[in-house]
Amino acid sequence: NGKKIDIKNVPTVYNRGQGGLLDIKLHPNYT
């Protein structure tokens, strides 16, 4: 609805160079 909310308890990432928090996908049976 036009608003951005930061999700909590995200895994700690190694944010270096090309590394960081990368891809994301839902399980095919996510619902």
Full PDB file with SEQRES, HELIX, SHEET, SSBOND, CRYST1, ORIGX, SCALE, CONECT and MASTER records, all heavy atoms in Angstrom:
SEQRES   1 A   31  ASN GLY LYS LYS ILE ASP ILE LYS ASN VAL PRO THR VAL          
SEQRES   2 A   31  TYR ASN ARG GLY GLN GLY GLY LEU LEU ASP ILE LYS LEU          
SEQRES   3 A   31  HIS PRO ASN TYR THR                                          
CRYST1    1.000    1.000    1.000  90.00  90.00  90.00 P 1           1          
ORIGX1      1.000000  0.000000  0.000000        0.00000                         
ORIGX2      0.000000  1.000000  0.000000        0.00000                         
ORIGX3      0.000000  0.000000  1.000000        0.00000                         
SCALE1      1.000000  0.000000  0.000000        0.00000                         
SCALE2      0.000000  1.000000  0.000000        0.00000                         
SCALE3      0.000000  0.000000  1.000000        0.00000                         
ATOM      1  N   ASN A   1       0.819  -1.216   0.000  1.00  0.00           N  
ATOM      2  CA  ASN A   1       0.000   0.000   0.000  1.00  0.00           C  
ATOM      3  C   ASN A   1       0.851   1.264   0.000  1.00  0.00           C  
ATOM      4  O   ASN A   1       0.545   2.246   0.690  1.00  0.00           O  
ATOM      5  CB  ASN A   1      -0.943   0.009   1.203  1.00  0.00           C  
ATOM      6  CG  ASN A   1      -1.922  -1.153   1.181  1.00  0.00           C  
ATOM      7  OD1 ASN A   1      -2.349  -1.588   0.114  1.00  0.00           O  
ATOM      8  ND2 ASN A   1      -2.269  -1.671   2.354  1.00  0.00           N  
ATOM      9  N   GLY A   2       1.943   1.217  -0.758  1.00  0.00           N  
ATOM     10  CA  GLY A   2       2.796   2.387  -0.909  1.00  0.00           C  
ATOM     11  C   GLY A   2       3.745   2.654   0.236  1.00  0.00           C  
ATOM     12  O   GLY A   2       4.467   3.655   0.221  1.00  0.00           O  
ATOM     13  N   LYS A   3       3.789   1.759   1.230  1.00  0.00           N  
ATOM     14  CA  LYS A   3       4.657   1.953   2.393  1.00  0.00           C  
ATOM     15  C   LYS A   3       5.700   0.848   2.496  1.00  0.00           C  
ATOM     16  O   LYS A   3       5.436  -0.298   2.155  1.00  0.00           O  
ATOM     17  CB  LYS A   3       3.820   2.004   3.671  1.00  0.00           C  
ATOM     18  CG  LYS A   3       2.848   3.173   3.726  1.00  0.00           C  
ATOM     19  CD  LYS A   3       2.072   3.166   5.042  1.00  0.00           C  
ATOM     20  CE  LYS A   3       1.110   4.355   5.105  1.00  0.00           C  
ATOM     21  NZ  LYS A   3       0.341   4.361   6.382  1.00  0.00           N  
ATOM     22  N   LYS A   4       6.875   1.232   2.984  1.00  0.00           N  
ATOM     23  CA  LYS A   4       7.967   0.288   3.181  1.00  0.00           C  
ATOM     24  C   LYS A   4       8.180   0.042   4.680  1.00  0.00           C  
ATOM     25  O   LYS A   4       8.357   0.996   5.436  1.00  0.00           O  
ATOM     26  CB  LYS A   4       9.261   0.819   2.561  1.00  0.00           C  
ATOM     27  CG  LYS A   4       9.246   0.793   1.035  1.00  0.00           C  
ATOM     28  CD  LYS A   4      10.555   1.253   0.442  1.00  0.00           C  
ATOM     29  CE  LYS A   4      10.691   2.756   0.494  1.00  0.00           C  
ATOM     30  NZ  LYS A   4      11.875   3.247  -0.239  1.00  0.00           N  
ATOM     31  N   ILE A   5       8.171  -1.224   5.064  1.00  0.00           N  
ATOM     32  CA  ILE A   5       8.383  -1.607   6.460  1.00  0.00           C  
ATOM     33  C   ILE A   5       9.540  -2.592   6.517  1.00  0.00           C  
ATOM     34  O   ILE A   5       9.552  -3.596   5.787  1.00  0.00           O  
ATOM     35  CB  ILE A   5       7.118  -2.243   7.065  1.00  0.00           C  
ATOM     36  CG1 ILE A   5       5.939  -1.245   7.020  1.00  0.00           C  
ATOM     37  CG2 ILE A   5       7.378  -2.693   8.492  1.00  0.00           C  
ATOM     38  CD1 ILE A   5       4.626  -1.853   7.451  1.00  0.00           C  
ATOM     39  N   ASP A   6      10.533  -2.318   7.358  1.00  0.00           N  
ATOM     40  CA  ASP A   6      11.658  -3.231   7.520  1.00  0.00           C  
ATOM     41  C   ASP A   6      11.230  -4.469   8.304  1.00  0.00           C  
ATOM     42  O   ASP A   6      10.640  -4.356   9.383  1.00  0.00           O  
ATOM     43  CB  ASP A   6      12.807  -2.539   8.252  1.00  0.00           C  
ATOM     44  CG  ASP A   6      13.558  -1.551   7.373  1.00  0.00           C  
ATOM     45  OD1 ASP A   6      13.300  -1.542   6.147  1.00  0.00           O  
ATOM     46  OD2 ASP A   6      14.394  -0.800   7.904  1.00  0.00           O  
ATOM     47  N   ILE A   7      11.547  -5.649   7.736  1.00  0.00           N  
ATOM     48  CA  ILE A   7      11.261  -6.909   8.405  1.00  0.00           C  
ATOM     49  C   ILE A   7      12.300  -7.138   9.507  1.00  0.00           C  
ATOM     50  O   ILE A   7      13.494  -6.898   9.304  1.00  0.00           O  
ATOM     51  CB  ILE A   7      11.275  -8.072   7.395  1.00  0.00           C  
ATOM     52  CG1 ILE A   7      10.206  -7.852   6.323  1.00  0.00           C  
ATOM     53  CG2 ILE A   7      11.063  -9.406   8.098  1.00  0.00           C  
ATOM     54  CD1 ILE A   7       8.802  -7.746   6.846  1.00  0.00           C  
ATOM     55  N   LYS A   8      11.866  -7.625  10.633  1.00  0.00           N  
ATOM     56  CA  LYS A   8      12.760  -7.895  11.756  1.00  0.00           C  
ATOM     57  C   LYS A   8      13.273  -9.335  11.713  1.00  0.00           C  
ATOM     58  O   LYS A   8      12.685 -10.205  11.087  1.00  0.00           O  
ATOM     59  CB  LYS A   8      12.026  -7.638  13.075  1.00  0.00           C  
ATOM     60  CG  LYS A   8      11.537  -6.202  13.245  1.00  0.00           C  
ATOM     61  CD  LYS A   8      10.739  -6.043  14.539  1.00  0.00           C  
ATOM     62  CE  LYS A   8      10.215  -4.622  14.693  1.00  0.00           C  
ATOM     63  NZ  LYS A   8       9.385  -4.467  15.918  1.00  0.00           N  
ATOM     64  N   ASN A   9      14.380  -9.547  12.433  1.00  0.00           N  
ATOM     65  CA  ASN A   9      14.970 -10.875  12.613  1.00  0.00           C  
ATOM     66  C   ASN A   9      15.473 -11.489  11.305  1.00  0.00           C  
ATOM     67  O   ASN A   9      15.433 -12.704  11.118  1.00  0.00           O  
ATOM     68  CB  ASN A   9      13.974 -11.827  13.285  1.00  0.00           C  
ATOM     69  CG  ASN A   9      14.674 -12.993  13.971  1.00  0.00           C  
ATOM     70  OD1 ASN A   9      15.820 -12.886  14.408  1.00  0.00           O  
ATOM     71  ND2 ASN A   9      13.990 -14.119  14.061  1.00  0.00           N  
ATOM     72  N   VAL A  10      15.950 -10.623  10.404  1.00  0.00           N  
ATOM     73  CA  VAL A  10      16.578 -11.084   9.161  1.00  0.00           C  
ATOM     74  C   VAL A  10      17.955 -11.666   9.504  1.00  0.00           C  
ATOM     75  O   VAL A  10      18.624 -11.166  10.424  1.00  0.00           O  
ATOM     76  CB  VAL A  10      16.699  -9.910   8.170  1.00  0.00           C  
ATOM     77  CG1 VAL A  10      17.427 -10.314   6.892  1.00  0.00           C  
ATOM     78  CG2 VAL A  10      15.317  -9.362   7.838  1.00  0.00           C  
ATOM     79  N   PRO A  11      18.409 -12.710   8.807  1.00  0.00           N  
ATOM     80  CA  PRO A  11      19.731 -13.257   9.129  1.00  0.00           C  
ATOM     81  C   PRO A  11      20.837 -12.212   8.966  1.00  0.00           C  
ATOM     82  O   PRO A  11      20.758 -11.343   8.090  1.00  0.00           O  
ATOM     83  CB  PRO A  11      19.905 -14.408   8.135  1.00  0.00           C  
ATOM     84  CG  PRO A  11      18.940 -14.124   7.038  1.00  0.00           C  
ATOM     85  CD  PRO A  11      17.782 -13.445   7.696  1.00  0.00           C  
ATOM     86  N   THR A  12      21.840 -12.294   9.815  1.00  0.00           N  
ATOM     87  CA  THR A  12      22.992 -11.396   9.721  1.00  0.00           C  
ATOM     88  C   THR A  12      23.791 -11.726   8.474  1.00  0.00           C  
ATOM     89  O   THR A  12      24.129 -12.886   8.229  1.00  0.00           O  
ATOM     90  CB  THR A  12      23.879 -11.540  10.962  1.00  0.00           C  
ATOM     91  OG1 THR A  12      23.114 -11.230  12.127  1.00  0.00           O  
ATOM     92  CG2 THR A  12      25.078 -10.609  10.878  1.00  0.00           C  
ATOM     93  N   VAL A  13      24.085 -10.703   7.657  1.00  0.00           N  
ATOM     94  CA  VAL A  13      24.761 -10.960   6.402  1.00  0.00           C  
ATOM     95  C   VAL A  13      26.210 -10.474   6.454  1.00  0.00           C  
ATOM     96  O   VAL A  13      26.565  -9.590   7.236  1.00  0.00           O  
ATOM     97  CB  VAL A  13      24.028 -10.294   5.215  1.00  0.00           C  
ATOM     98  CG1 VAL A  13      22.577 -10.726   5.166  1.00  0.00           C  
ATOM     99  CG2 VAL A  13      24.145  -8.779   5.266  1.00  0.00           C  
ATOM    100  N   TYR A  14      27.014 -11.090   5.623  1.00  0.00           N  
ATOM    101  CA  TYR A  14      28.393 -10.673   5.405  1.00  0.00           C  
ATOM    102  C   TYR A  14      28.366  -9.698   4.230  1.00  0.00           C  
ATOM    103  O   TYR A  14      28.392 -10.091   3.065  1.00  0.00           O  
ATOM    104  CB  TYR A  14      29.251 -11.898   5.098  1.00  0.00           C  
ATOM    105  CG  TYR A  14      30.725 -11.631   4.889  1.00  0.00           C  
ATOM    106  CD1 TYR A  14      31.520 -11.159   5.927  1.00  0.00           C  
ATOM    107  CD2 TYR A  14      31.323 -11.894   3.661  1.00  0.00           C  
ATOM    108  CE1 TYR A  14      32.876 -10.933   5.736  1.00  0.00           C  
ATOM    109  CE2 TYR A  14      32.683 -11.687   3.466  1.00  0.00           C  
ATOM    110  CZ  TYR A  14      33.452 -11.200   4.506  1.00  0.00           C  
ATOM    111  OH  TYR A  14      34.804 -10.989   4.315  1.00  0.00           O  
ATOM    112  N   ASN A  15      28.251  -8.418   4.547  1.00  0.00           N  
ATOM    113  CA  ASN A  15      28.069  -7.389   3.532  1.00  0.00           C  
ATOM    114  C   ASN A  15      29.433  -6.884   3.075  1.00  0.00           C  
ATOM    115  O   ASN A  15      29.978  -5.915   3.601  1.00  0.00           O  
ATOM    116  CB  ASN A  15      27.220  -6.238   4.100  1.00  0.00           C  
ATOM    117  CG  ASN A  15      26.903  -5.178   3.064  1.00  0.00           C  
ATOM    118  OD1 ASN A  15      26.950  -5.444   1.865  1.00  0.00           O  
ATOM    119  ND2 ASN A  15      26.582  -3.981   3.512  1.00  0.00           N  
ATOM    120  N   ARG A  16      29.974  -7.578   2.098  1.00  0.00           N  
ATOM    121  CA  ARG A  16      31.305  -7.241   1.595  1.00  0.00           C  
ATOM    122  C   ARG A  16      31.331  -7.454   0.088  1.00  0.00           C  
ATOM    123  O   ARG A  16      30.913  -8.510  -0.405  1.00  0.00           O  
ATOM    124  CB  ARG A  16      32.371  -8.109   2.264  1.00  0.00           C  
ATOM    125  CG  ARG A  16      33.795  -7.858   1.753  1.00  0.00           C  
ATOM    126  CD  ARG A  16      34.779  -8.798   2.428  1.00  0.00           C  
ATOM    127  NE  ARG A  16      36.112  -8.692   1.871  1.00  0.00           N  
ATOM    128  CZ  ARG A  16      37.046  -7.828   2.271  1.00  0.00           C  
ATOM    129  NH1 ARG A  16      36.760  -7.000   3.269  1.00  0.00           N  
ATOM    130  NH2 ARG A  16      38.242  -7.792   1.711  1.00  0.00           N  
ATOM    131  N   GLY A  17      31.818  -6.473  -0.654  1.00  0.00           N  
ATOM    132  CA  GLY A  17      31.926  -6.615  -2.103  1.00  0.00           C  
ATOM    133  C   GLY A  17      30.587  -6.949  -2.716  1.00  0.00           C  
ATOM    134  O   GLY A  17      29.611  -6.213  -2.564  1.00  0.00           O  
ATOM    135  N   GLN A  18      30.510  -8.077  -3.381  1.00  0.00           N  
ATOM    136  CA  GLN A  18      29.279  -8.520  -4.020  1.00  0.00           C  
ATOM    137  C   GLN A  18      28.377  -9.303  -3.073  1.00  0.00           C  
ATOM    138  O   GLN A  18      27.288  -9.731  -3.467  1.00  0.00           O  
ATOM    139  CB  GLN A  18      29.615  -9.379  -5.244  1.00  0.00           C  
ATOM    140  CG  GLN A  18      30.378  -8.621  -6.319  1.00  0.00           C  
ATOM    141  CD  GLN A  18      30.942  -9.533  -7.394  1.00  0.00           C  
ATOM    142  OE1 GLN A  18      30.707 -10.740  -7.421  1.00  0.00           O  
ATOM    143  NE2 GLN A  18      31.702  -8.949  -8.316  1.00  0.00           N  
ATOM    144  N   GLY A  19      28.816  -9.494  -1.839  1.00  0.00           N  
ATOM    145  CA  GLY A  19      28.047 -10.282  -0.883  1.00  0.00           C  
ATOM    146  C   GLY A  19      27.109  -9.445  -0.047  1.00  0.00           C  
ATOM    147  O   GLY A  19      27.344  -8.254   0.190  1.00  0.00           O  
ATOM    148  N   GLY A  20      26.052 -10.062   0.434  1.00  0.00           N  
ATOM    149  CA  GLY A  20      25.072  -9.404   1.277  1.00  0.00           C  
ATOM    150  C   GLY A  20      23.803 -10.225   1.307  1.00  0.00           C  
ATOM    151  O   GLY A  20      23.848 -11.449   1.191  1.00  0.00           O  
ATOM    152  N   LEU A  21      22.666  -9.571   1.460  1.00  0.00           N  
ATOM    153  CA  LEU A  21      21.369 -10.243   1.369  1.00  0.00           C  
ATOM    154  C   LEU A  21      21.005 -10.297  -0.108  1.00  0.00           C  
ATOM    155  O   LEU A  21      20.897  -9.257  -0.763  1.00  0.00           O  
ATOM    156  CB  LEU A  21      20.323  -9.480   2.179  1.00  0.00           C  
ATOM    157  CG  LEU A  21      18.955 -10.134   2.312  1.00  0.00           C  
ATOM    158  CD1 LEU A  21      19.034 -11.518   2.946  1.00  0.00           C  
ATOM    159  CD2 LEU A  21      18.013  -9.242   3.120  1.00  0.00           C  
ATOM    160  N   LEU A  22      20.788 -11.492  -0.625  1.00  0.00           N  
ATOM    161  CA  LEU A  22      20.737 -11.677  -2.068  1.00  0.00           C  
ATOM    162  C   LEU A  22      19.323 -12.038  -2.537  1.00  0.00           C  
ATOM    163  O   LEU A  22      18.419 -11.243  -2.421  1.00  0.00           O  
ATOM    164  CB  LEU A  22      21.800 -12.705  -2.483  1.00  0.00           C  
ATOM    165  CG  LEU A  22      23.227 -12.343  -2.020  1.00  0.00           C  
ATOM    166  CD1 LEU A  22      24.215 -13.455  -2.322  1.00  0.00           C  
ATOM    167  CD2 LEU A  22      23.684 -11.031  -2.637  1.00  0.00           C  
ATOM    168  N   ASP A  23      19.096 -13.238  -3.032  1.00  0.00           N  
ATOM    169  CA  ASP A  23      17.818 -13.547  -3.674  1.00  0.00           C  
ATOM    170  C   ASP A  23      16.750 -13.961  -2.664  1.00  0.00           C  
ATOM    171  O   ASP A  23      17.040 -14.263  -1.492  1.00  0.00           O  
ATOM    172  CB  ASP A  23      18.012 -14.658  -4.705  1.00  0.00           C  
ATOM    173  CG  ASP A  23      16.999 -14.593  -5.836  1.00  0.00           C  
ATOM    174  OD1 ASP A  23      16.278 -13.585  -5.931  1.00  0.00           O  
ATOM    175  OD2 ASP A  23      16.939 -15.545  -6.636  1.00  0.00           O  
ATOM    176  N   ILE A  24      15.499 -13.999  -3.124  1.00  0.00           N  
ATOM    177  CA  ILE A  24      14.374 -14.387  -2.281  1.00  0.00           C  
ATOM    178  C   ILE A  24      13.307 -15.043  -3.151  1.00  0.00           C  
ATOM    179  O   ILE A  24      13.045 -14.593  -4.269  1.00  0.00           O  
ATOM    180  CB  ILE A  24      13.808 -13.169  -1.518  1.00  0.00           C  
ATOM    181  CG1 ILE A  24      12.673 -13.581  -0.571  1.00  0.00           C  
ATOM    182  CG2 ILE A  24      13.375 -12.061  -2.469  1.00  0.00           C  
ATOM    183  CD1 ILE A  24      12.287 -12.486   0.405  1.00  0.00           C  
ATOM    184  N   LYS A  25      12.709 -16.135  -2.665  1.00  0.00           N  
ATOM    185  CA  LYS A  25      11.660 -16.840  -3.378  1.00  0.00           C  
ATOM    186  C   LYS A  25      10.646 -17.397  -2.369  1.00  0.00           C  
ATOM    187  O   LYS A  25      11.003 -17.735  -1.236  1.00  0.00           O  
ATOM    188  CB  LYS A  25      12.228 -18.018  -4.185  1.00  0.00           C  
ATOM    189  CG  LYS A  25      12.934 -17.629  -5.461  1.00  0.00           C  
ATOM    190  CD  LYS A  25      11.980 -17.126  -6.513  1.00  0.00           C  
ATOM    191  CE  LYS A  25      12.683 -16.815  -7.832  1.00  0.00           C  
ATOM    192  NZ  LYS A  25      13.661 -15.729  -7.731  1.00  0.00           N  
ATOM    193  N   LEU A  26       9.410 -17.532  -2.805  1.00  0.00           N  
ATOM    194  CA  LEU A  26       8.391 -18.206  -2.013  1.00  0.00           C  
ATOM    195  C   LEU A  26       8.338 -19.676  -2.390  1.00  0.00           C  
ATOM    196  O   LEU A  26       8.569 -20.048  -3.551  1.00  0.00           O  
ATOM    197  CB  LEU A  26       7.013 -17.587  -2.262  1.00  0.00           C  
ATOM    198  CG  LEU A  26       6.831 -16.096  -1.990  1.00  0.00           C  
ATOM    199  CD1 LEU A  26       5.360 -15.716  -2.191  1.00  0.00           C  
ATOM    200  CD2 LEU A  26       7.296 -15.724  -0.602  1.00  0.00           C  
ATOM    201  N   HIS A  27       8.028 -20.519  -1.420  1.00  0.00           N  
ATOM    202  CA  HIS A  27       7.780 -21.934  -1.714  1.00  0.00           C  
ATOM    203  C   HIS A  27       6.613 -22.034  -2.688  1.00  0.00           C  
ATOM    204  O   HIS A  27       5.665 -21.235  -2.621  1.00  0.00           O  
ATOM    205  CB  HIS A  27       7.460 -22.671  -0.412  1.00  0.00           C  
ATOM    206  CG  HIS A  27       7.420 -24.163  -0.561  1.00  0.00           C  
ATOM    207  ND1 HIS A  27       6.347 -24.827  -1.119  1.00  0.00           N  
ATOM    208  CD2 HIS A  27       8.320 -25.119  -0.203  1.00  0.00           C  
ATOM    209  CE1 HIS A  27       6.588 -26.128  -1.112  1.00  0.00           C  
ATOM    210  NE2 HIS A  27       7.777 -26.331  -0.572  1.00  0.00           N  
ATOM    211  N   PRO A  28       6.631 -22.989  -3.631  1.00  0.00           N  
ATOM    212  CA  PRO A  28       5.500 -23.124  -4.561  1.00  0.00           C  
ATOM    213  C   PRO A  28       4.149 -23.294  -3.858  1.00  0.00           C  
ATOM    214  O   PRO A  28       3.116 -22.900  -4.404  1.00  0.00           O  
ATOM    215  CB  PRO A  28       5.867 -24.378  -5.364  1.00  0.00           C  
ATOM    216  CG  PRO A  28       7.358 -24.453  -5.291  1.00  0.00           C  
ATOM    217  CD  PRO A  28       7.725 -23.931  -3.938  1.00  0.00           C  
ATOM    218  N   ASN A  29       4.160 -23.862  -2.652  1.00  0.00           N  
ATOM    219  CA  ASN A  29       2.929 -24.014  -1.869  1.00  0.00           C  
ATOM    220  C   ASN A  29       2.910 -23.043  -0.688  1.00  0.00           C  
ATOM    221  O   ASN A  29       2.475 -23.391   0.412  1.00  0.00           O  
ATOM    222  CB  ASN A  29       2.787 -25.462  -1.373  1.00  0.00           C  
ATOM    223  CG  ASN A  29       2.650 -26.435  -2.521  1.00  0.00           C  
ATOM    224  OD1 ASN A  29       1.991 -26.157  -3.516  1.00  0.00           O  
ATOM    225  ND2 ASN A  29       3.296 -27.586  -2.395  1.00  0.00           N  
ATOM    226  N   TYR A  30       3.383 -21.828  -0.954  1.00  0.00           N  
ATOM    227  CA  TYR A  30       3.509 -20.841   0.124  1.00  0.00           C  
ATOM    228  C   TYR A  30       2.199 -20.606   0.864  1.00  0.00           C  
ATOM    229  O   TYR A  30       2.195 -20.454   2.088  1.00  0.00           O  
ATOM    230  CB  TYR A  30       4.030 -19.513  -0.434  1.00  0.00           C  
ATOM    231  CG  TYR A  30       4.069 -18.414   0.592  1.00  0.00           C  
ATOM    232  CD1 TYR A  30       5.112 -18.347   1.513  1.00  0.00           C  
ATOM    233  CD2 TYR A  30       3.049 -17.457   0.666  1.00  0.00           C  
ATOM    234  CE1 TYR A  30       5.141 -17.356   2.477  1.00  0.00           C  
ATOM    235  CE2 TYR A  30       3.076 -16.460   1.623  1.00  0.00           C  
ATOM    236  CZ  TYR A  30       4.125 -16.416   2.537  1.00  0.00           C  
ATOM    237  OH  TYR A  30       4.142 -15.447   3.507  1.00  0.00           O  
ATOM    238  N   THR A  31       1.100 -20.553   0.159  1.00  0.00           N  
ATOM    239  CA  THR A  31      -0.173 -20.267   0.832  1.00  0.00           C  
ATOM    240  C   THR A  31      -0.533 -21.341   1.852  1.00  0.00           C  
ATOM    241  O   THR A  31      -1.296 -21.084   2.796  1.00  0.00           O  
ATOM    242  CB  THR A  31      -1.315 -20.135  -0.190  1.00  0.00           C  
ATOM    243  OG1 THR A  31      -1.355 -21.308  -1.016  1.00  0.00           O  
ATOM    244  CG2 THR A  31      -1.107 -18.905  -1.065  1.00  0.00           C  
TER     245      THR A  31                                                      
MASTER        0    0    0    0    0    0    0    6  244    1    0    3          
END                                                                             
